[in-house]
């Protein structure tokens, strides 16, 4: 089992009751030495707490996943979302790219387009920064080691100095009942600034994220212009977005990426 997949299994297996190294070793097929190394890594990221012989869950609602774990999840779905999102961008527009893994996929789709991009993470900046067609701007200041994103103060300062045509925002959770939420107070502040700085706000969220809630709210549904999601999104929840005036785009990874783009709400591999 690959490291990212193993970390995902461990995080999901850890509960408020202790889970032993032996049980995790049996679950993943990895040695006890490897599991202990994994637990040390995940504890360092604040995702669990090690105890003698095992680990327990940290008391945090909406626990953030490490970037490398999230990047390995739902790869085909994120690629489909990225194709749809990229098709919303017109030549020579200015955009803001959030620091999530789906926006990295969007950056790959946008290579070769003449545009200006404020990238809140070096993961997206590196993708677009070597493209002569793109003008890439990044916030200053120290980077967070996992996401390679600038801190909240630097990100907010950079966002307040631009006026973008589109902002592509990721969310840890989004629902008609609870609005758009994320796992940290600082990330919520950044996303609120992104909303205010763009003429058009696009939420990128796989269908599973529409069934979750997290700790810190940064927007209501009517703050959005577009939702790009996947076919597994519950129909009743999508109706809530539509009722708020949000254009819903369904990104279907099984549809040919070169197919003509249909209207919102029709499955598409291109958007």
C-alpha atoms as a PDB file:
ATOM      1  CA  UNK A   1       0.000   0.000   0.000  1.00  0.00           C
ATOM      2  CA  UNK A   2       1.362   3.433  -0.962  1.00  0.00           C
ATOM      3  CA  UNK A   3       2.217   5.903   1.779  1.00  0.00           C
ATOM      4  CA  UNK A   4      -0.586   8.337   0.911  1.00  0.00           C
ATOM      5  CA  UNK A   5      -3.162   5.544   0.810  1.00  0.00           C
ATOM      6  CA  UNK A   6      -1.851   4.127   4.085  1.00  0.00           C
ATOM      7  CA  UNK A   7      -2.121   7.525   5.775  1.00  0.00           C
ATOM      8  CA  UNK A   8      -5.689   7.840   4.556  1.00  0.00           C
ATOM      9  CA  UNK A   9      -6.575   4.412   5.994  1.00  0.00           C
ATOM     10  CA  UNK A  10      -4.910   5.240   9.315  1.00  0.00           C
ATOM     11  CA  UNK A  11      -6.668   8.596   9.676  1.00  0.00           C
ATOM     12  CA  UNK A  12     -10.046   7.014   9.005  1.00  0.00           C
ATOM     13  CA  UNK A  13      -9.366   4.112  11.373  1.00  0.00           C
ATOM     14  CA  UNK A  14      -8.319   6.293  14.298  1.00  0.00           C
ATOM     15  CA  UNK A  15     -11.171   6.962  16.725  1.00  0.00           C
ATOM     16  CA  UNK A  16     -11.613   8.439  20.180  1.00  0.00           C
ATOM     17  CA  UNK A  17     -10.867   4.976  21.555  1.00  0.00           C
ATOM     18  CA  UNK A  18      -7.209   3.897  21.218  1.00  0.00           C
ATOM     19  CA  UNK A  19      -6.210   1.961  18.092  1.00  0.00           C
ATOM     20  CA  UNK A  20      -3.089  -0.155  18.466  1.00  0.00           C
ATOM     21  CA  UNK A  21      -0.071  -0.259  16.195  1.00  0.00           C
ATOM     22  CA  UNK A  22      -0.708  -3.971  15.739  1.00  0.00           C
ATOM     23  CA  UNK A  23      -4.286  -3.353  14.549  1.00  0.00           C
ATOM     24  CA  UNK A  24      -3.138  -0.676  12.104  1.00  0.00           C
ATOM     25  CA  UNK A  25      -0.369  -2.957  10.867  1.00  0.00           C
ATOM     26  CA  UNK A  26      -2.890  -5.703  10.184  1.00  0.00           C
ATOM     27  CA  UNK A  27      -5.265  -3.239   8.511  1.00  0.00           C
ATOM     28  CA  UNK A  28      -2.660  -1.776   6.154  1.00  0.00           C
ATOM     29  CA  UNK A  29      -0.273  -4.699   5.716  1.00  0.00           C
ATOM     30  CA  UNK A  30       2.644  -2.501   6.800  1.00  0.00           C
ATOM     31  CA  UNK A  31       5.211  -3.367   9.453  1.00  0.00           C
ATOM     32  CA  UNK A  32       5.016  -2.031  12.979  1.00  0.00           C
ATOM     33  CA  UNK A  33       8.082   0.123  12.319  1.00  0.00           C
ATOM     34  CA  UNK A  34       6.388   1.705   9.291  1.00  0.00           C
ATOM     35  CA  UNK A  35       3.166   2.313  11.222  1.00  0.00           C
ATOM     36  CA  UNK A  36       5.045   4.018  14.066  1.00  0.00           C
ATOM     37  CA  UNK A  37       6.789   6.238  11.509  1.00  0.00           C
ATOM     38  CA  UNK A  38       3.403   7.057   9.952  1.00  0.00           C
ATOM     39  CA  UNK A  39       1.912   7.905  13.342  1.00  0.00           C
ATOM     40  CA  UNK A  40       4.818  10.220  14.136  1.00  0.00           C
ATOM     41  CA  UNK A  41       4.349  11.986  10.794  1.00  0.00           C
ATOM     42  CA  UNK A  42       0.584  12.345  11.202  1.00  0.00           C
ATOM     43  CA  UNK A  43       0.918  13.533  14.793  1.00  0.00           C
ATOM     44  CA  UNK A  44       3.360  16.180  13.603  1.00  0.00           C
ATOM     45  CA  UNK A  45       0.660  17.439  11.271  1.00  0.00           C
ATOM     46  CA  UNK A  46      -1.879  17.603  14.080  1.00  0.00           C
ATOM     47  CA  UNK A  47      -4.019  14.777  12.690  1.00  0.00           C
ATOM     48  CA  UNK A  48      -3.830  12.355  15.630  1.00  0.00           C
ATOM     49  CA  UNK A  49      -2.287  11.931  19.069  1.00  0.00           C
ATOM     50  CA  UNK A  50       0.103   9.089  19.784  1.00  0.00           C
ATOM     51  CA  UNK A  51      -0.286   7.121  22.985  1.00  0.00           C
ATOM     52  CA  UNK A  52       1.602   4.106  24.284  1.00  0.00           C
ATOM     53  CA  UNK A  53       1.185   1.324  21.722  1.00  0.00           C
ATOM     54  CA  UNK A  54      -1.111   3.231  19.354  1.00  0.00           C
ATOM     55  CA  UNK A  55      -2.960   6.468  18.696  1.00  0.00           C
ATOM     56  CA  UNK A  56      -6.271   8.288  19.205  1.00  0.00           C
ATOM     57  CA  UNK A  57      -8.100  10.971  17.270  1.00  0.00           C
ATOM     58  CA  UNK A  58      -7.472  14.615  18.045  1.00  0.00           C
ATOM     59  CA  UNK A  59     -10.507  16.582  19.197  1.00  0.00           C
ATOM     60  CA  UNK A  60     -11.038  18.663  16.098  1.00  0.00           C
ATOM     61  CA  UNK A  61     -14.115  19.001  13.917  1.00  0.00           C
ATOM     62  CA  UNK A  62     -13.274  18.707  10.246  1.00  0.00           C
ATOM     63  CA  UNK A  63      -9.722  17.397  10.631  1.00  0.00           C
ATOM     64  CA  UNK A  64      -7.499  18.657   7.797  1.00  0.00           C
ATOM     65  CA  UNK A  65      -5.874  16.006   5.631  1.00  0.00           C
ATOM     66  CA  UNK A  66      -2.212  16.389   4.583  1.00  0.00           C
ATOM     67  CA  UNK A  67      -1.717  17.756   1.070  1.00  0.00           C
ATOM     68  CA  UNK A  68      -0.114  14.557  -0.247  1.00  0.00           C
ATOM     69  CA  UNK A  69      -3.043  12.491   1.044  1.00  0.00           C
ATOM     70  CA  UNK A  70      -5.641  14.816  -0.476  1.00  0.00           C
ATOM     71  CA  UNK A  71      -3.717  14.959  -3.761  1.00  0.00           C
ATOM     72  CA  UNK A  72      -3.981  11.184  -4.108  1.00  0.00           C
ATOM     73  CA  UNK A  73      -7.733  11.137  -3.447  1.00  0.00           C
ATOM     74  CA  UNK A  74     -10.386  11.156  -6.205  1.00  0.00           C
ATOM     75  CA  UNK A  75      -7.829  11.993  -8.881  1.00  0.00           C
ATOM     76  CA  UNK A  76     -10.149  11.374 -11.849  1.00  0.00           C
ATOM     77  CA  UNK A  77     -12.962  13.421 -10.299  1.00  0.00           C
ATOM     78  CA  UNK A  78     -10.661  16.360  -9.612  1.00  0.00           C
ATOM     79  CA  UNK A  79      -9.305  16.204 -13.162  1.00  0.00           C
ATOM     80  CA  UNK A  80     -12.865  16.343 -14.509  1.00  0.00           C
ATOM     81  CA  UNK A  81     -13.688  19.309 -12.263  1.00  0.00           C
ATOM     82  CA  UNK A  82     -10.527  21.044 -13.475  1.00  0.00           C
ATOM     83  CA  UNK A  83     -11.531  20.673 -17.136  1.00  0.00           C
ATOM     84  CA  UNK A  84     -14.918  22.241 -16.433  1.00  0.00           C
ATOM     85  CA  UNK A  85     -13.427  25.038 -14.337  1.00  0.00           C
ATOM     86  CA  UNK A  86     -10.752  25.886 -16.893  1.00  0.00           C
ATOM     87  CA  UNK A  87     -13.393  26.213 -19.603  1.00  0.00           C
ATOM     88  CA  UNK A  88     -14.959  29.088 -17.622  1.00  0.00           C
ATOM     89  CA  UNK A  89     -11.826  31.204 -18.101  1.00  0.00           C
ATOM     90  CA  UNK A  90     -11.653  33.540 -21.094  1.00  0.00           C
ATOM     91  CA  UNK A  91      -8.360  34.732 -22.666  1.00  0.00           C
ATOM     92  CA  UNK A  92      -6.568  37.554 -20.838  1.00  0.00           C
ATOM     93  CA  UNK A  93      -8.712  37.288 -17.719  1.00  0.00           C
ATOM     94  CA  UNK A  94      -7.325  37.516 -14.195  1.00  0.00           C
ATOM     95  CA  UNK A  95      -7.974  34.727 -11.694  1.00  0.00           C
ATOM     96  CA  UNK A  96      -7.284  33.759  -8.094  1.00  0.00           C
ATOM     97  CA  UNK A  97      -6.444  30.134  -7.378  1.00  0.00           C
ATOM     98  CA  UNK A  98      -7.062  28.803  -3.870  1.00  0.00           C
ATOM     99  CA  UNK A  99      -4.520  26.548  -2.165  1.00  0.00           C
ATOM    100  CA  UNK A 100      -6.338  23.192  -2.517  1.00  0.00           C
ATOM    101  CA  UNK A 101      -5.385  20.143  -4.540  1.00  0.00           C
ATOM    102  CA  UNK A 102      -8.224  20.619  -7.039  1.00  0.00           C
ATOM    103  CA  UNK A 103      -6.889  24.048  -7.966  1.00  0.00           C
ATOM    104  CA  UNK A 104      -3.556  22.404  -8.832  1.00  0.00           C
ATOM    105  CA  UNK A 105      -5.466  20.333 -11.393  1.00  0.00           C
ATOM    106  CA  UNK A 106      -7.092  23.547 -12.669  1.00  0.00           C
ATOM    107  CA  UNK A 107      -3.651  25.122 -13.076  1.00  0.00           C
ATOM    108  CA  UNK A 108      -2.558  22.203 -15.267  1.00  0.00           C
ATOM    109  CA  UNK A 109      -5.629  22.712 -17.458  1.00  0.00           C
ATOM    110  CA  UNK A 110      -4.909  26.442 -17.801  1.00  0.00           C
ATOM    111  CA  UNK A 111      -1.345  26.094 -19.064  1.00  0.00           C
ATOM    112  CA  UNK A 112      -0.920  27.818 -22.400  1.00  0.00           C
ATOM    113  CA  UNK A 113      -3.747  30.295 -21.788  1.00  0.00           C
ATOM    114  CA  UNK A 114      -2.981  34.042 -21.756  1.00  0.00           C
ATOM    115  CA  UNK A 115      -4.033  35.056 -18.233  1.00  0.00           C
ATOM    116  CA  UNK A 116      -2.954  36.621 -14.965  1.00  0.00           C
ATOM    117  CA  UNK A 117      -3.097  34.350 -11.923  1.00  0.00           C
ATOM    118  CA  UNK A 118      -2.732  35.105  -8.231  1.00  0.00           C
ATOM    119  CA  UNK A 119      -1.655  31.723  -6.855  1.00  0.00           C
ATOM    120  CA  UNK A 120      -2.075  31.294  -3.106  1.00  0.00           C
ATOM    121  CA  UNK A 121       0.100  28.160  -3.090  1.00  0.00           C
ATOM    122  CA  UNK A 122       3.417  27.364  -4.737  1.00  0.00           C
ATOM    123  CA  UNK A 123       1.873  24.086  -5.911  1.00  0.00           C
ATOM    124  CA  UNK A 124      -0.218  26.073  -8.413  1.00  0.00           C
ATOM    125  CA  UNK A 125       2.407  28.766  -9.013  1.00  0.00           C
ATOM    126  CA  UNK A 126       4.991  26.213 -10.137  1.00  0.00           C
ATOM    127  CA  UNK A 127       2.566  24.747 -12.668  1.00  0.00           C
ATOM    128  CA  UNK A 128       1.777  28.116 -14.262  1.00  0.00           C
ATOM    129  CA  UNK A 129       5.012  29.979 -13.510  1.00  0.00           C
ATOM    130  CA  UNK A 130       7.029  28.381 -16.324  1.00  0.00           C
ATOM    131  CA  UNK A 131       4.322  29.134 -18.888  1.00  0.00           C
ATOM    132  CA  UNK A 132       5.243  32.268 -20.894  1.00  0.00           C
ATOM    133  CA  UNK A 133       1.544  32.912 -21.593  1.00  0.00           C
ATOM    134  CA  UNK A 134       0.787  33.394 -17.894  1.00  0.00           C
ATOM    135  CA  UNK A 135       1.596  36.231 -15.545  1.00  0.00           C
ATOM    136  CA  UNK A 136       1.842  34.648 -12.112  1.00  0.00           C
ATOM    137  CA  UNK A 137       1.703  36.534  -8.813  1.00  0.00           C
ATOM    138  CA  UNK A 138       2.301  34.967  -5.384  1.00  0.00           C
ATOM    139  CA  UNK A 139       1.944  36.382  -1.852  1.00  0.00           C
ATOM    140  CA  UNK A 140       5.106  37.142   0.082  1.00  0.00           C
ATOM    141  CA  UNK A 141       6.146  35.905   3.484  1.00  0.00           C
ATOM    142  CA  UNK A 142       6.805  32.474   5.007  1.00  0.00           C
ATOM    143  CA  UNK A 143       5.226  29.348   3.528  1.00  0.00           C
ATOM    144  CA  UNK A 144       3.242  26.680   5.339  1.00  0.00           C
ATOM    145  CA  UNK A 145       5.265  23.472   4.942  1.00  0.00           C
ATOM    146  CA  UNK A 146       2.419  21.153   3.894  1.00  0.00           C
ATOM    147  CA  UNK A 147       0.356  23.221   1.459  1.00  0.00           C
ATOM    148  CA  UNK A 148       3.212  25.555   0.410  1.00  0.00           C
ATOM    149  CA  UNK A 149       0.696  28.359   0.892  1.00  0.00           C
ATOM    150  CA  UNK A 150       1.530  31.778   2.291  1.00  0.00           C
ATOM    151  CA  UNK A 151       0.215  32.661   5.723  1.00  0.00           C
ATOM    152  CA  UNK A 152      -3.100  34.398   6.162  1.00  0.00           C
ATOM    153  CA  UNK A 153      -1.691  37.928   6.548  1.00  0.00           C
ATOM    154  CA  UNK A 154       0.383  37.759   3.354  1.00  0.00           C
ATOM    155  CA  UNK A 155      -2.394  36.061   1.383  1.00  0.00           C
ATOM    156  CA  UNK A 156      -5.008  38.604   2.457  1.00  0.00           C
ATOM    157  CA  UNK A 157      -2.701  41.508   1.637  1.00  0.00           C
ATOM    158  CA  UNK A 158      -2.067  40.101  -1.858  1.00  0.00           C
ATOM    159  CA  UNK A 159      -5.761  39.458  -2.497  1.00  0.00           C
ATOM    160  CA  UNK A 160      -6.752  42.972  -1.434  1.00  0.00           C
ATOM    161  CA  UNK A 161      -4.398  44.383  -4.063  1.00  0.00           C
ATOM    162  CA  UNK A 162      -6.040  42.646  -7.021  1.00  0.00           C
ATOM    163  CA  UNK A 163      -9.400  42.712  -8.731  1.00  0.00           C
ATOM    164  CA  UNK A 164     -10.002  39.352 -10.399  1.00  0.00           C
ATOM    165  CA  UNK A 165     -12.452  38.171 -13.008  1.00  0.00           C
ATOM    166  CA  UNK A 166     -12.786  34.766 -11.338  1.00  0.00           C
ATOM    167  CA  UNK A 167     -11.878  33.225  -7.996  1.00  0.00           C
ATOM    168  CA  UNK A 168     -11.644  29.435  -7.818  1.00  0.00           C
ATOM    169  CA  UNK A 169     -12.320  28.409  -4.235  1.00  0.00           C
ATOM    170  CA  UNK A 170     -12.100  25.014  -2.628  1.00  0.00           C
ATOM    171  CA  UNK A 171     -14.113  24.052   0.455  1.00  0.00           C
ATOM    172  CA  UNK A 172     -13.714  21.308   3.011  1.00  0.00           C
ATOM    173  CA  UNK A 173     -17.504  21.190   3.172  1.00  0.00           C
ATOM    174  CA  UNK A 174     -20.453  22.898   1.490  1.00  0.00           C
ATOM    175  CA  UNK A 175     -24.158  22.467   2.008  1.00  0.00           C
ATOM    176  CA  UNK A 176     -27.379  24.467   1.637  1.00  0.00           C
ATOM    177  CA  UNK A 177     -27.950  24.106   5.389  1.00  0.00           C
ATOM    178  CA  UNK A 178     -24.557  25.067   6.789  1.00  0.00           C
ATOM    179  CA  UNK A 179     -23.049  27.114   3.974  1.00  0.00           C
ATOM    180  CA  UNK A 180     -19.409  26.844   2.946  1.00  0.00           C
ATOM    181  CA  UNK A 181     -17.018  25.834   5.716  1.00  0.00           C
ATOM    182  CA  UNK A 182     -13.381  24.997   6.224  1.00  0.00           C
ATOM    183  CA  UNK A 183     -11.222  23.500   8.955  1.00  0.00           C
ATOM    184  CA  UNK A 184      -9.282  26.559  10.115  1.00  0.00           C
ATOM    185  CA  UNK A 185     -10.106  30.141  11.071  1.00  0.00           C
ATOM    186  CA  UNK A 186      -7.238  31.500   8.962  1.00  0.00           C
ATOM    187  CA  UNK A 187      -8.327  29.636   5.829  1.00  0.00           C
ATOM    188  CA  UNK A 188     -11.861  30.977   6.260  1.00  0.00           C
ATOM    189  CA  UNK A 189     -10.486  34.556   6.411  1.00  0.00           C
ATOM    190  CA  UNK A 190      -8.553  34.018   3.175  1.00  0.00           C
ATOM    191  CA  UNK A 191     -11.554  32.596   1.355  1.00  0.00           C
ATOM    192  CA  UNK A 192     -13.751  35.511   2.446  1.00  0.00           C
ATOM    193  CA  UNK A 193     -11.234  37.904   0.914  1.00  0.00           C
ATOM    194  CA  UNK A 194     -11.213  35.869  -2.301  1.00  0.00           C
ATOM    195  CA  UNK A 195     -14.994  36.252  -2.521  1.00  0.00           C
ATOM    196  CA  UNK A 196     -14.756  40.004  -2.154  1.00  0.00           C
ATOM    197  CA  UNK A 197     -11.964  40.406  -4.723  1.00  0.00           C
ATOM    198  CA  UNK A 198     -13.574  38.602  -7.677  1.00  0.00           C
ATOM    199  CA  UNK A 199     -16.398  39.390 -10.071  1.00  0.00           C
ATOM    200  CA  UNK A 200     -17.285  35.699 -10.321  1.00  0.00           C
ATOM    201  CA  UNK A 201     -16.846  33.128  -7.547  1.00  0.00           C
ATOM    202  CA  UNK A 202     -16.533  29.469  -8.524  1.00  0.00           C
ATOM    203  CA  UNK A 203     -16.676  26.701  -5.920  1.00  0.00           C
ATOM    204  CA  UNK A 204     -14.830  23.483  -6.759  1.00  0.00           C
ATOM    205  CA  UNK A 205     -16.139  20.543  -4.721  1.00  0.00           C
ATOM    206  CA  UNK A 206     -16.540  16.824  -5.290  1.00  0.00           C
ATOM    207  CA  UNK A 207     -19.966  15.439  -4.463  1.00  0.00           C
ATOM    208  CA  UNK A 208     -18.813  13.996  -1.145  1.00  0.00           C
ATOM    209  CA  UNK A 209     -17.962  17.482   0.159  1.00  0.00           C
ATOM    210  CA  UNK A 210     -21.581  18.546  -0.240  1.00  0.00           C
ATOM    211  CA  UNK A 211     -22.588  16.108   2.504  1.00  0.00           C
ATOM    212  CA  UNK A 212     -20.092  17.351   5.117  1.00  0.00           C
ATOM    213  CA  UNK A 213     -19.798  20.254   7.495  1.00  0.00           C
ATOM    214  CA  UNK A 214     -16.698  21.760   9.044  1.00  0.00           C
ATOM    215  CA  UNK A 215     -15.873  24.309  11.727  1.00  0.00           C
ATOM    216  CA  UNK A 216     -15.445  27.754  10.165  1.00  0.00           C
ATOM    217  CA  UNK A 217     -17.977  29.332   7.832  1.00  0.00           C
ATOM    218  CA  UNK A 218     -16.760  31.653   5.088  1.00  0.00           C
ATOM    219  CA  UNK A 219     -19.688  32.002   2.686  1.00  0.00           C
ATOM    220  CA  UNK A 220     -23.361  31.349   2.034  1.00  0.00           C
ATOM    221  CA  UNK A 221     -24.660  29.785  -1.150  1.00  0.00           C
ATOM    222  CA  UNK A 222     -25.780  33.103  -2.575  1.00  0.00           C
ATOM    223  CA  UNK A 223     -22.172  34.332  -2.384  1.00  0.00           C
ATOM    224  CA  UNK A 224     -21.370  31.884  -5.216  1.00  0.00           C
ATOM    225  CA  UNK A 225     -21.859  32.250  -8.944  1.00  0.00           C
ATOM    226  CA  UNK A 226     -20.907  28.714 -10.003  1.00  0.00           C
ATOM    227  CA  UNK A 227     -20.522  25.277  -8.471  1.00  0.00           C
ATOM    228  CA  UNK A 228     -18.435  22.674 -10.294  1.00  0.00           C
ATOM    229  CA  UNK A 229     -19.086  19.248  -8.801  1.00  0.00           C
ATOM    230  CA  UNK A 230     -19.301  15.568  -9.696  1.00  0.00           C
ATOM    231  CA  UNK A 231     -22.115  13.137 -10.584  1.00  0.00           C
ATOM    232  CA  UNK A 232     -22.224  11.666  -7.072  1.00  0.00           C
ATOM    233  CA  UNK A 233     -23.515  14.966  -5.644  1.00  0.00           C
ATOM    234  CA  UNK A 234     -26.970  14.407  -4.058  1.00  0.00           C
ATOM    235  CA  UNK A 235     -29.699  15.867  -6.280  1.00  0.00           C
ATOM    236  CA  UNK A 236     -31.600  17.404  -3.363  1.00  0.00           C
ATOM    237  CA  UNK A 237     -28.506  19.331  -2.259  1.00  0.00           C
ATOM    238  CA  UNK A 238     -27.863  20.586  -5.777  1.00  0.00           C
ATOM    239  CA  UNK A 239     -31.413  21.927  -5.841  1.00  0.00           C
ATOM    240  CA  UNK A 240     -30.478  24.076  -2.850  1.00  0.00           C
ATOM    241  CA  UNK A 241     -27.598  25.619  -4.786  1.00  0.00           C
ATOM    242  CA  UNK A 242     -29.808  26.269  -7.809  1.00  0.00           C
ATOM    243  CA  UNK A 243     -32.448  27.887  -5.599  1.00  0.00           C
ATOM    244  CA  UNK A 244     -29.747  30.307  -4.417  1.00  0.00           C
ATOM    245  CA  UNK A 245     -29.026  31.279  -8.027  1.00  0.00           C
ATOM    246  CA  UNK A 246     -25.850  29.219  -8.422  1.00  0.00           C
ATOM    247  CA  UNK A 247     -25.065  27.751 -11.854  1.00  0.00           C
ATOM    248  CA  UNK A 248     -24.334  24.055 -11.278  1.00  0.00           C
ATOM    249  CA  UNK A 249     -21.854  22.313 -13.587  1.00  0.00           C
ATOM    250  CA  UNK A 250     -21.586  18.510 -13.365  1.00  0.00           C
ATOM    251  CA  UNK A 251     -18.097  17.282 -14.259  1.00  0.00           C
ATOM    252  CA  UNK A 252     -18.351  13.669 -15.388  1.00  0.00           C
ATOM    253  CA  UNK A 253     -14.970  11.884 -15.635  1.00  0.00           C
ATOM    254  CA  UNK A 254     -16.454   9.258 -17.957  1.00  0.00           C
ATOM    255  CA  UNK A 255     -17.257  11.820 -20.674  1.00  0.00           C
ATOM    256  CA  UNK A 256     -14.671  12.433 -23.370  1.00  0.00           C
ATOM    257  CA  UNK A 257     -12.597  15.458 -22.379  1.00  0.00           C
ATOM    258  CA  UNK A 258     -12.713  16.707 -25.968  1.00  0.00           C
ATOM    259  CA  UNK A 259     -16.499  16.662 -26.227  1.00  0.00           C
ATOM    260  CA  UNK A 260     -18.338  19.945 -26.875  1.00  0.00           C
ATOM    261  CA  UNK A 261     -19.299  21.825 -23.738  1.00  0.00           C
ATOM    262  CA  UNK A 262     -23.005  21.572 -22.824  1.00  0.00           C
ATOM    263  CA  UNK A 263     -24.981  23.946 -20.626  1.00  0.00           C
ATOM    264  CA  UNK A 264     -24.677  23.871 -16.815  1.00  0.00           C
ATOM    265  CA  UNK A 265     -26.261  20.824 -15.143  1.00  0.00           C
ATOM    266  CA  UNK A 266     -25.394  18.535 -18.058  1.00  0.00           C
ATOM    267  CA  UNK A 267     -22.603  16.005 -17.381  1.00  0.00           C
ATOM    268  CA  UNK A 268     -19.395  16.984 -19.084  1.00  0.00           C
ATOM    269  CA  UNK A 269     -15.743  16.112 -19.155  1.00  0.00           C
ATOM    270  CA  UNK A 270     -14.811  19.616 -20.278  1.00  0.00           C
ATOM    271  CA  UNK A 271     -17.239  21.974 -18.604  1.00  0.00           C
END
